[in-house]
Amino acid sequence: MSKNSTIEHSGVVSEITEDAVIVDLMVQSACSACHAKSVCGVDSAQKSIEVRTTNKAFSIGEKVNVIMRESLGMKALFLGYILPFLFVVTALLILLETGSSEGLAGLVSLSVLIPYYITLYFFKDKIKREFNFYIEKI
């Protein structure tokens, strides 16, 4: 993977503000063509992405591509899944080694996520500035 590789999703412009364009993306699950998807419960979902731009060349309902650097996807994966998992497992192992009961160790290790996600919330503006999306017409 090169540093310049990107992730692209097509979407439709749903809103235009002074400094951003809101794009609705239709995210498809990997098994969207499966004949049993209605039973499974895994289905596509609509997500909205705010793309900060001063370019007013877009119109509502227009089809566009939303582009993000692949390295930012890995960073999002790390912040959203890997790091919290490591915190929970580390807390669980420490508590079990110190002689806590399994139930208490499980509850306390899950409660480690509360300060983690509160911290993420307080840094959301900094994180938002780091995750830049780009938009281009199709």
C-alpha atoms as a PDB file:
ATOM      1  CA  MET A   1       0.000   0.000   0.000  1.00  0.00           C
ATOM      2  CA  SER A   2       1.354   3.348  -0.948  1.00  0.00           C
ATOM      3  CA  LYS A   3       0.986   6.428   1.210  1.00  0.00           C
ATOM      4  CA  ASN A   4      -1.074   8.076  -1.519  1.00  0.00           C
ATOM      5  CA  SER A   5      -3.705   5.338  -1.774  1.00  0.00           C
ATOM      6  CA  THR A   6      -7.247   6.495  -1.157  1.00  0.00           C
ATOM      7  CA  ILE A   7     -10.657   5.195  -0.221  1.00  0.00           C
ATOM      8  CA  GLU A   8     -13.545   6.396  -2.397  1.00  0.00           C
ATOM      9  CA  HIS A   9     -17.296   6.164  -1.923  1.00  0.00           C
ATOM     10  CA  SER A  10     -19.974   7.530  -4.178  1.00  0.00           C
ATOM     11  CA  GLY A  11     -22.803   9.511  -2.693  1.00  0.00           C
ATOM     12  CA  VAL A  12     -25.368  12.220  -3.233  1.00  0.00           C
ATOM     13  CA  VAL A  13     -25.121  15.820  -2.023  1.00  0.00           C
ATOM     14  CA  SER A  14     -27.911  16.343   0.513  1.00  0.00           C
ATOM     15  CA  GLU A  15     -27.044  19.753   1.968  1.00  0.00           C
ATOM     16  CA  ILE A  16     -24.745  22.684   1.274  1.00  0.00           C
ATOM     17  CA  THR A  17     -23.618  25.083   4.009  1.00  0.00           C
ATOM     18  CA  GLU A  18     -21.200  28.010   4.020  1.00  0.00           C
ATOM     19  CA  ASP A  19     -18.118  25.914   4.682  1.00  0.00           C
ATOM     20  CA  ALA A  20     -19.202  22.321   4.036  1.00  0.00           C
ATOM     21  CA  VAL A  21     -21.080  19.952   1.791  1.00  0.00           C
ATOM     22  CA  ILE A  22     -23.073  17.133   3.401  1.00  0.00           C
ATOM     23  CA  VAL A  23     -22.984  13.947   1.338  1.00  0.00           C
ATOM     24  CA  ASP A  24     -25.217  10.923   1.947  1.00  0.00           C
ATOM     25  CA  LEU A  25     -23.366   7.669   1.306  1.00  0.00           C
ATOM     26  CA  MET A  26     -25.081   4.345   0.761  1.00  0.00           C
ATOM     27  CA  VAL A  27     -22.854   1.873   2.587  1.00  0.00           C
ATOM     28  CA  GLN A  28     -23.382  -1.675   1.342  1.00  0.00           C
ATOM     29  CA  SER A  29     -22.587  -4.711   3.412  1.00  0.00           C
ATOM     30  CA  ALA A  30     -20.304  -7.323   1.904  1.00  0.00           C
ATOM     31  CA  CYS A  31     -23.199  -9.725   1.582  1.00  0.00           C
ATOM     32  CA  SER A  32     -25.669  -7.290   0.017  1.00  0.00           C
ATOM     33  CA  ALA A  33     -26.260  -9.629  -2.932  1.00  0.00           C
ATOM     34  CA  CYS A  34     -27.019 -12.590  -0.679  1.00  0.00           C
ATOM     35  CA  HIS A  35     -30.494 -14.068  -1.045  1.00  0.00           C
ATOM     36  CA  ALA A  36     -30.799 -14.521   2.743  1.00  0.00           C
ATOM     37  CA  LYS A  37     -29.942 -10.942   3.727  1.00  0.00           C
ATOM     38  CA  SER A  38     -33.512 -10.135   4.810  1.00  0.00           C
ATOM     39  CA  VAL A  39     -33.368 -12.932   7.393  1.00  0.00           C
ATOM     40  CA  CYS A  40     -29.821 -12.177   8.507  1.00  0.00           C
ATOM     41  CA  GLY A  41     -30.399  -8.554   9.500  1.00  0.00           C
ATOM     42  CA  VAL A  42     -27.167  -7.336   7.913  1.00  0.00           C
ATOM     43  CA  ASP A  43     -28.120  -4.737   5.353  1.00  0.00           C
ATOM     44  CA  SER A  44     -27.013  -1.507   3.793  1.00  0.00           C
ATOM     45  CA  ALA A  45     -27.209   1.735   5.728  1.00  0.00           C
ATOM     46  CA  GLN A  46     -27.141   5.390   4.826  1.00  0.00           C
ATOM     47  CA  LYS A  47     -24.378   7.513   6.338  1.00  0.00           C
ATOM     48  CA  SER A  48     -23.847  11.254   6.137  1.00  0.00           C
ATOM     49  CA  ILE A  49     -20.374  12.733   5.731  1.00  0.00           C
ATOM     50  CA  GLU A  50     -19.532  16.398   6.218  1.00  0.00           C
ATOM     51  CA  VAL A  51     -16.915  17.466   3.696  1.00  0.00           C
ATOM     52  CA  ARG A  52     -15.437  20.837   4.577  1.00  0.00           C
ATOM     53  CA  THR A  53     -15.010  22.870   1.431  1.00  0.00           C
ATOM     54  CA  THR A  54     -15.609  26.399   0.195  1.00  0.00           C
ATOM     55  CA  ASN A  55     -16.226  25.129  -3.331  1.00  0.00           C
ATOM     56  CA  LYS A  56     -19.824  26.018  -4.164  1.00  0.00           C
ATOM     57  CA  ALA A  57     -19.837  24.211  -7.526  1.00  0.00           C
ATOM     58  CA  PHE A  58     -22.023  21.427  -6.144  1.00  0.00           C
ATOM     59  CA  SER A  59     -25.808  21.224  -6.087  1.00  0.00           C
ATOM     60  CA  ILE A  60     -28.232  19.238  -3.947  1.00  0.00           C
ATOM     61  CA  GLY A  61     -28.965  15.840  -5.451  1.00  0.00           C
ATOM     62  CA  GLU A  62     -25.712  15.757  -7.427  1.00  0.00           C
ATOM     63  CA  LYS A  63     -23.730  12.496  -7.471  1.00  0.00           C
ATOM     64  CA  VAL A  64     -20.181  12.866  -6.145  1.00  0.00           C
ATOM     65  CA  ASN A  65     -17.229  10.812  -4.920  1.00  0.00           C
ATOM     66  CA  VAL A  66     -16.035  11.290  -1.344  1.00  0.00           C
ATOM     67  CA  ILE A  67     -12.325  10.571  -1.014  1.00  0.00           C
ATOM     68  CA  MET A  68     -10.209   9.916   2.080  1.00  0.00           C
ATOM     69  CA  ARG A  69      -6.595   8.848   2.457  1.00  0.00           C
ATOM     70  CA  GLU A  70      -6.366   5.163   3.316  1.00  0.00           C
ATOM     71  CA  SER A  71      -3.994   5.893   6.198  1.00  0.00           C
ATOM     72  CA  LEU A  72      -6.790   7.853   7.902  1.00  0.00           C
ATOM     73  CA  GLY A  73      -9.014   4.790   7.659  1.00  0.00           C
ATOM     74  CA  MET A  74      -6.413   2.826   9.573  1.00  0.00           C
ATOM     75  CA  LYS A  75      -6.192   5.580  12.168  1.00  0.00           C
ATOM     76  CA  ALA A  76      -9.986   5.522  12.593  1.00  0.00           C
ATOM     77  CA  LEU A  77      -9.874   1.741  12.967  1.00  0.00           C
ATOM     78  CA  PHE A  78      -7.192   2.077  15.633  1.00  0.00           C
ATOM     79  CA  LEU A  79      -9.054   4.770  17.617  1.00  0.00           C
ATOM     80  CA  GLY A  80     -12.462   3.156  17.315  1.00  0.00           C
ATOM     81  CA  TYR A  81     -11.742  -0.529  17.764  1.00  0.00           C
ATOM     82  CA  ILE A  82      -8.165  -1.603  18.443  1.00  0.00           C
ATOM     83  CA  LEU A  83      -7.190   0.812  21.231  1.00  0.00           C
ATOM     84  CA  PRO A  84     -10.415   0.338  23.245  1.00  0.00           C
ATOM     85  CA  PHE A  85     -10.054  -3.441  22.844  1.00  0.00           C
ATOM     86  CA  LEU A  86      -6.509  -3.272  24.182  1.00  0.00           C
ATOM     87  CA  PHE A  87      -7.658  -1.190  27.173  1.00  0.00           C
ATOM     88  CA  VAL A  88     -10.422  -3.673  28.029  1.00  0.00           C
ATOM     89  CA  VAL A  89      -8.212  -6.742  27.687  1.00  0.00           C
ATOM     90  CA  THR A  90      -5.363  -5.142  29.653  1.00  0.00           C
ATOM     91  CA  ALA A  91      -7.683  -4.098  32.487  1.00  0.00           C
ATOM     92  CA  LEU A  92      -9.296  -7.536  32.511  1.00  0.00           C
ATOM     93  CA  LEU A  93      -5.974  -9.353  32.716  1.00  0.00           C
ATOM     94  CA  ILE A  94      -4.639  -7.062  35.446  1.00  0.00           C
ATOM     95  CA  LEU A  95      -7.775  -7.449  37.542  1.00  0.00           C
ATOM     96  CA  LEU A  96      -7.851 -11.227  37.149  1.00  0.00           C
ATOM     97  CA  GLU A  97      -4.169 -11.470  38.120  1.00  0.00           C
ATOM     98  CA  THR A  98      -4.764  -9.375  41.253  1.00  0.00           C
ATOM     99  CA  GLY A  99      -7.421 -11.813  42.448  1.00  0.00           C
ATOM    100  CA  SER A 100     -10.645 -10.001  41.547  1.00  0.00           C
ATOM    101  CA  SER A 101     -13.683 -12.102  40.797  1.00  0.00           C
ATOM    102  CA  GLU A 102     -14.460 -12.687  37.128  1.00  0.00           C
ATOM    103  CA  GLY A 103     -17.724 -10.742  37.268  1.00  0.00           C
ATOM    104  CA  LEU A 104     -16.149  -7.711  38.923  1.00  0.00           C
ATOM    105  CA  ALA A 105     -13.144  -7.855  36.597  1.00  0.00           C
ATOM    106  CA  GLY A 106     -15.464  -7.935  33.580  1.00  0.00           C
ATOM    107  CA  LEU A 107     -17.521  -4.975  34.776  1.00  0.00           C
ATOM    108  CA  VAL A 108     -14.527  -2.862  35.729  1.00  0.00           C
ATOM    109  CA  SER A 109     -12.682  -3.630  32.498  1.00  0.00           C
ATOM    110  CA  LEU A 110     -15.736  -2.600  30.467  1.00  0.00           C
ATOM    111  CA  SER A 111     -16.065   0.565  32.537  1.00  0.00           C
ATOM    112  CA  VAL A 112     -12.571   1.528  31.327  1.00  0.00           C
ATOM    113  CA  LEU A 113     -14.306   2.422  28.058  1.00  0.00           C
ATOM    114  CA  ILE A 114     -16.275   5.245  29.700  1.00  0.00           C
ATOM    115  CA  PRO A 115     -13.296   7.574  30.280  1.00  0.00           C
ATOM    116  CA  TYR A 116     -11.827   6.528  26.917  1.00  0.00           C
ATOM    117  CA  TYR A 117     -14.891   7.577  24.939  1.00  0.00           C
ATOM    118  CA  ILE A 118     -15.359  10.717  27.059  1.00  0.00           C
ATOM    119  CA  THR A 119     -11.760  11.642  26.189  1.00  0.00           C
ATOM    120  CA  LEU A 120     -12.473  11.031  22.501  1.00  0.00           C
ATOM    121  CA  TYR A 121     -15.537  13.262  22.810  1.00  0.00           C
ATOM    122  CA  PHE A 122     -13.496  16.124  24.265  1.00  0.00           C
ATOM    123  CA  PHE A 123     -10.942  15.798  21.463  1.00  0.00           C
ATOM    124  CA  LYS A 124     -13.578  15.428  18.719  1.00  0.00           C
ATOM    125  CA  ASP A 125     -12.782  18.821  17.164  1.00  0.00           C
ATOM    126  CA  LYS A 126      -9.081  18.000  16.941  1.00  0.00           C
ATOM    127  CA  ILE A 127      -9.867  14.581  15.504  1.00  0.00           C
ATOM    128  CA  LYS A 128     -12.354  16.114  13.058  1.00  0.00           C
ATOM    129  CA  ARG A 129      -9.656  18.480  11.746  1.00  0.00           C
ATOM    130  CA  GLU A 130      -7.342  15.515  11.216  1.00  0.00           C
ATOM    131  CA  PHE A 131      -9.823  13.454   9.205  1.00  0.00           C
ATOM    132  CA  ASN A 132     -10.126  15.375   5.963  1.00  0.00           C
ATOM    133  CA  PHE A 133     -12.459  14.209   3.239  1.00  0.00           C
ATOM    134  CA  TYR A 134     -12.310  15.475  -0.310  1.00  0.00           C
ATOM    135  CA  ILE A 135     -15.121  15.646  -2.799  1.00  0.00           C
ATOM    136  CA  GLU A 136     -15.181  15.440  -6.582  1.00  0.00           C
ATOM    137  CA  LYS A 137     -17.938  15.350  -9.168  1.00  0.00           C
ATOM    138  CA  ILE A 138     -18.641  12.053 -10.883  1.00  0.00           C
END
